[in-house]
N, C-alpha and C. Protein backbone atom coordinates (compact mmCIF):
# COMPACT_ATOMS: atom_id res chain seq x y z
N MET A 1 137.00 -47.09 -18.84
CA MET A 1 136.22 -47.82 -19.15
C MET A 1 134.84 -46.88 -18.44
N ALA A 2 134.06 -46.32 -19.06
CA ALA A 2 132.70 -46.15 -18.36
C ALA A 2 132.19 -46.59 -17.78
N GLU A 3 131.52 -45.81 -16.45
CA GLU A 3 130.66 -46.62 -15.55
C GLU A 3 129.36 -46.97 -16.19
N THR A 4 128.47 -48.05 -15.06
CA THR A 4 127.06 -48.17 -15.79
C THR A 4 126.17 -47.02 -15.65
N LYS A 5 126.27 -45.96 -15.58
CA LYS A 5 125.63 -45.02 -15.28
C LYS A 5 125.65 -43.87 -16.13
N GLU A 6 126.59 -43.90 -17.13
CA GLU A 6 127.03 -43.84 -18.17
C GLU A 6 127.04 -44.08 -19.50
N LEU A 7 127.03 -45.70 -19.14
CA LEU A 7 126.42 -46.02 -20.54
C LEU A 7 124.43 -46.43 -20.79
N ILE A 8 124.25 -46.26 -19.66
CA ILE A 8 122.81 -45.92 -19.56
C ILE A 8 122.09 -44.39 -20.38
N ILE A 9 123.06 -43.67 -20.17
CA ILE A 9 122.80 -42.59 -20.40
C ILE A 9 123.02 -42.11 -22.34
N ALA A 10 123.91 -43.06 -22.62
CA ALA A 10 124.36 -43.51 -23.62
C ALA A 10 123.40 -44.22 -24.50
N ILE A 11 122.81 -44.84 -24.24
CA ILE A 11 122.28 -46.03 -24.55
C ILE A 11 121.00 -45.70 -24.59
N VAL A 12 120.25 -45.43 -24.12
CA VAL A 12 119.19 -43.99 -23.92
C VAL A 12 118.99 -43.13 -24.93
N GLY A 13 120.08 -42.54 -25.22
CA GLY A 13 120.30 -41.39 -26.37
C GLY A 13 120.04 -42.14 -27.80
N TYR A 14 120.74 -43.23 -27.23
CA TYR A 14 120.47 -43.74 -29.09
C TYR A 14 119.16 -44.46 -29.59
N VAL A 15 118.67 -45.04 -28.44
CA VAL A 15 117.13 -45.41 -28.27
C VAL A 15 115.24 -43.92 -28.41
N ILE A 16 116.47 -43.01 -27.87
CA ILE A 16 115.66 -41.57 -28.31
C ILE A 16 115.76 -41.24 -29.52
N ALA A 17 116.72 -41.38 -30.43
CA ALA A 17 117.55 -40.72 -31.52
C ALA A 17 116.49 -41.95 -32.79
N PHE A 18 116.61 -42.93 -32.06
CA PHE A 18 116.00 -43.97 -33.59
C PHE A 18 114.25 -43.60 -33.35
N VAL A 19 113.58 -43.69 -32.35
CA VAL A 19 112.43 -43.68 -32.08
C VAL A 19 112.04 -41.82 -32.15
N SER A 20 112.58 -40.77 -32.01
CA SER A 20 112.00 -40.02 -32.87
C SER A 20 112.92 -38.80 -33.09
N PRO A 21 113.67 -38.65 -34.74
CA PRO A 21 114.91 -38.26 -34.46
C PRO A 21 115.22 -36.69 -33.93
N ILE A 22 113.73 -36.09 -34.27
CA ILE A 22 114.16 -35.10 -33.38
C ILE A 22 114.53 -34.64 -31.95
N LEU A 23 114.04 -35.16 -30.96
CA LEU A 23 114.22 -35.56 -29.74
C LEU A 23 115.72 -35.60 -29.77
N GLY A 24 116.21 -36.60 -30.27
CA GLY A 24 117.59 -37.83 -29.86
C GLY A 24 118.69 -36.47 -30.68
N LEU A 25 117.95 -35.96 -31.19
CA LEU A 25 118.71 -34.63 -31.87
C LEU A 25 119.14 -33.58 -30.92
N ILE A 26 118.00 -33.75 -29.74
CA ILE A 26 118.41 -32.59 -29.23
C ILE A 26 119.05 -33.37 -27.90
N ALA A 27 118.70 -34.72 -27.14
CA ALA A 27 118.82 -35.13 -26.61
C ALA A 27 120.73 -35.33 -26.88
N GLY A 28 121.17 -35.62 -28.22
CA GLY A 28 122.20 -35.40 -28.29
C GLY A 28 123.30 -34.02 -28.35
N ALA A 29 122.51 -33.32 -28.14
CA ALA A 29 122.91 -32.08 -27.91
C ALA A 29 122.69 -31.30 -26.54
N VAL A 30 122.14 -31.98 -25.73
CA VAL A 30 122.41 -31.73 -24.51
C VAL A 30 123.09 -32.17 -23.51
N ILE A 31 123.38 -33.43 -24.30
CA ILE A 31 124.59 -34.62 -23.35
C ILE A 31 125.84 -33.78 -24.14
N PHE A 32 126.00 -33.97 -25.33
CA PHE A 32 127.18 -33.27 -25.65
C PHE A 32 127.91 -31.43 -25.63
N TYR A 33 126.80 -30.38 -25.20
CA TYR A 33 127.31 -29.35 -24.25
C TYR A 33 127.53 -29.68 -23.31
N THR A 34 126.54 -30.32 -22.67
CA THR A 34 126.93 -30.64 -20.75
C THR A 34 127.49 -31.11 -20.50
N GLN A 35 128.66 -32.37 -20.78
CA GLN A 35 129.32 -32.79 -20.74
C GLN A 35 130.65 -33.20 -21.23
N LYS A 36 131.27 -31.85 -21.07
CA LYS A 36 131.77 -31.39 -22.49
C LYS A 36 133.93 -32.30 -21.07
N GLU A 37 133.56 -32.32 -19.86
CA GLU A 37 134.00 -32.56 -19.24
C GLU A 37 134.85 -34.56 -18.81
N ASN A 38 133.81 -34.89 -19.77
CA ASN A 38 133.41 -36.27 -19.70
C ASN A 38 134.15 -37.18 -21.40
N PRO A 39 134.76 -37.49 -21.33
CA PRO A 39 134.94 -37.17 -22.76
C PRO A 39 134.16 -38.79 -23.36
N PHE A 40 133.81 -39.93 -22.76
CA PHE A 40 133.20 -40.72 -23.22
C PHE A 40 131.69 -40.26 -23.20
N LEU A 41 130.74 -38.98 -22.80
CA LEU A 41 129.37 -38.95 -23.07
C LEU A 41 129.41 -37.69 -24.14
N ASN A 42 130.68 -37.20 -23.87
CA ASN A 42 130.88 -35.74 -24.99
C ASN A 42 130.85 -36.84 -26.38
N LYS A 43 131.70 -37.68 -26.51
CA LYS A 43 131.75 -38.48 -28.01
C LYS A 43 130.61 -38.75 -28.31
N HIS A 44 129.87 -39.94 -27.34
CA HIS A 44 128.97 -40.03 -27.77
C HIS A 44 127.12 -39.04 -28.01
N GLY A 45 127.91 -37.89 -27.75
CA GLY A 45 126.82 -36.78 -27.66
C GLY A 45 126.93 -36.70 -28.94
N LYS A 46 127.96 -36.58 -29.55
CA LYS A 46 128.32 -36.43 -30.84
C LYS A 46 128.00 -37.05 -31.30
N TYR A 47 127.76 -38.63 -31.82
CA TYR A 47 127.28 -39.39 -32.46
C TYR A 47 126.30 -39.94 -32.95
N ILE A 48 125.22 -39.50 -31.21
CA ILE A 48 124.02 -39.26 -31.25
C ILE A 48 123.41 -38.51 -31.88
N MET A 49 123.84 -37.24 -32.00
CA MET A 49 123.25 -36.25 -32.78
C MET A 49 123.50 -36.61 -34.56
N VAL A 50 124.52 -37.32 -34.64
CA VAL A 50 124.36 -37.78 -36.32
C VAL A 50 124.18 -38.81 -36.65
N PHE A 51 123.76 -40.21 -35.73
CA PHE A 51 122.77 -41.18 -35.58
C PHE A 51 120.92 -40.60 -35.44
N ALA A 52 121.06 -39.37 -35.12
CA ALA A 52 119.40 -38.80 -35.00
C ALA A 52 119.32 -37.85 -36.16
N VAL A 53 120.12 -37.69 -37.00
CA VAL A 53 120.13 -36.86 -38.84
C VAL A 53 119.90 -37.83 -39.35
N ILE A 54 121.27 -38.95 -39.14
CA ILE A 54 120.32 -40.15 -40.34
C ILE A 54 119.14 -40.94 -39.89
N MET A 55 118.94 -40.64 -39.11
CA MET A 55 117.32 -41.39 -38.68
C MET A 55 116.23 -40.79 -39.55
N TRP A 56 116.18 -39.15 -39.41
CA TRP A 56 115.63 -38.33 -39.71
C TRP A 56 115.55 -38.23 -41.75
N ILE A 57 116.95 -38.10 -42.16
CA ILE A 57 116.78 -38.08 -43.76
C ILE A 57 116.40 -39.68 -43.98
N ILE A 58 116.20 -40.80 -43.67
CA ILE A 58 116.22 -42.14 -43.68
C ILE A 58 114.52 -41.94 -43.82
N SER A 59 113.54 -41.58 -42.21
CA SER A 59 112.48 -41.38 -42.72
C SER A 59 111.51 -40.56 -44.12
N ILE A 60 112.83 -39.91 -44.07
CA ILE A 60 112.30 -38.39 -45.24
C ILE A 60 112.14 -38.73 -46.65
N ILE A 61 113.32 -40.06 -46.39
CA ILE A 61 113.26 -40.94 -47.77
C ILE A 61 112.01 -41.98 -47.57
N LEU A 62 112.10 -42.68 -46.90
CA LEU A 62 110.81 -43.36 -46.69
C LEU A 62 109.79 -43.09 -47.16
N VAL A 63 109.27 -41.87 -46.27
CA VAL A 63 107.71 -41.14 -46.92
C VAL A 63 107.93 -40.75 -48.08
N MET A 64 109.19 -40.34 -48.61
CA MET A 64 109.20 -39.50 -50.12
C MET A 64 108.47 -40.67 -51.44
N THR A 65 109.24 -42.06 -51.01
CA THR A 65 108.66 -42.69 -51.78
C THR A 65 107.90 -43.94 -51.81
N GLY A 66 107.24 -43.49 -50.54
CA GLY A 66 105.71 -44.01 -50.20
C GLY A 66 106.24 -45.51 -49.86
N ALA A 67 107.25 -46.17 -49.41
CA ALA A 67 107.42 -47.08 -48.61
C ALA A 67 107.05 -46.89 -47.12
N PHE A 68 106.53 -46.01 -46.70
CA PHE A 68 106.15 -45.79 -45.06
C PHE A 68 105.75 -44.59 -44.65
N PRO A 69 104.27 -44.65 -45.27
CA PRO A 69 103.33 -43.72 -45.65
C PRO A 69 103.05 -42.53 -43.73
N SER A 70 103.27 -41.34 -44.49
CA SER A 70 103.13 -40.82 -43.09
C SER A 70 102.01 -40.84 -42.34
N VAL A 71 101.84 -40.18 -41.38
CA VAL A 71 101.22 -39.70 -40.16
C VAL A 71 100.45 -38.75 -40.34
N ILE A 72 100.70 -37.84 -41.11
CA ILE A 72 100.07 -36.38 -41.38
C ILE A 72 98.71 -36.59 -42.42
């Protein structure tokens, strides 16, 4: 079972990926590449990167269809 610190790191990574996919991708990569010896964080680092890319694609689709206006 994962320790509390590991759970908090994973949850914060997912929240960052939801709020800002670019920062989430960076956070996931940092977790993935720095925590090779920790299987829990290594796995969730990959999942955070995938989640960030999916959120990025969804946000692009929403902006392109006009469902969510761009801030630019």
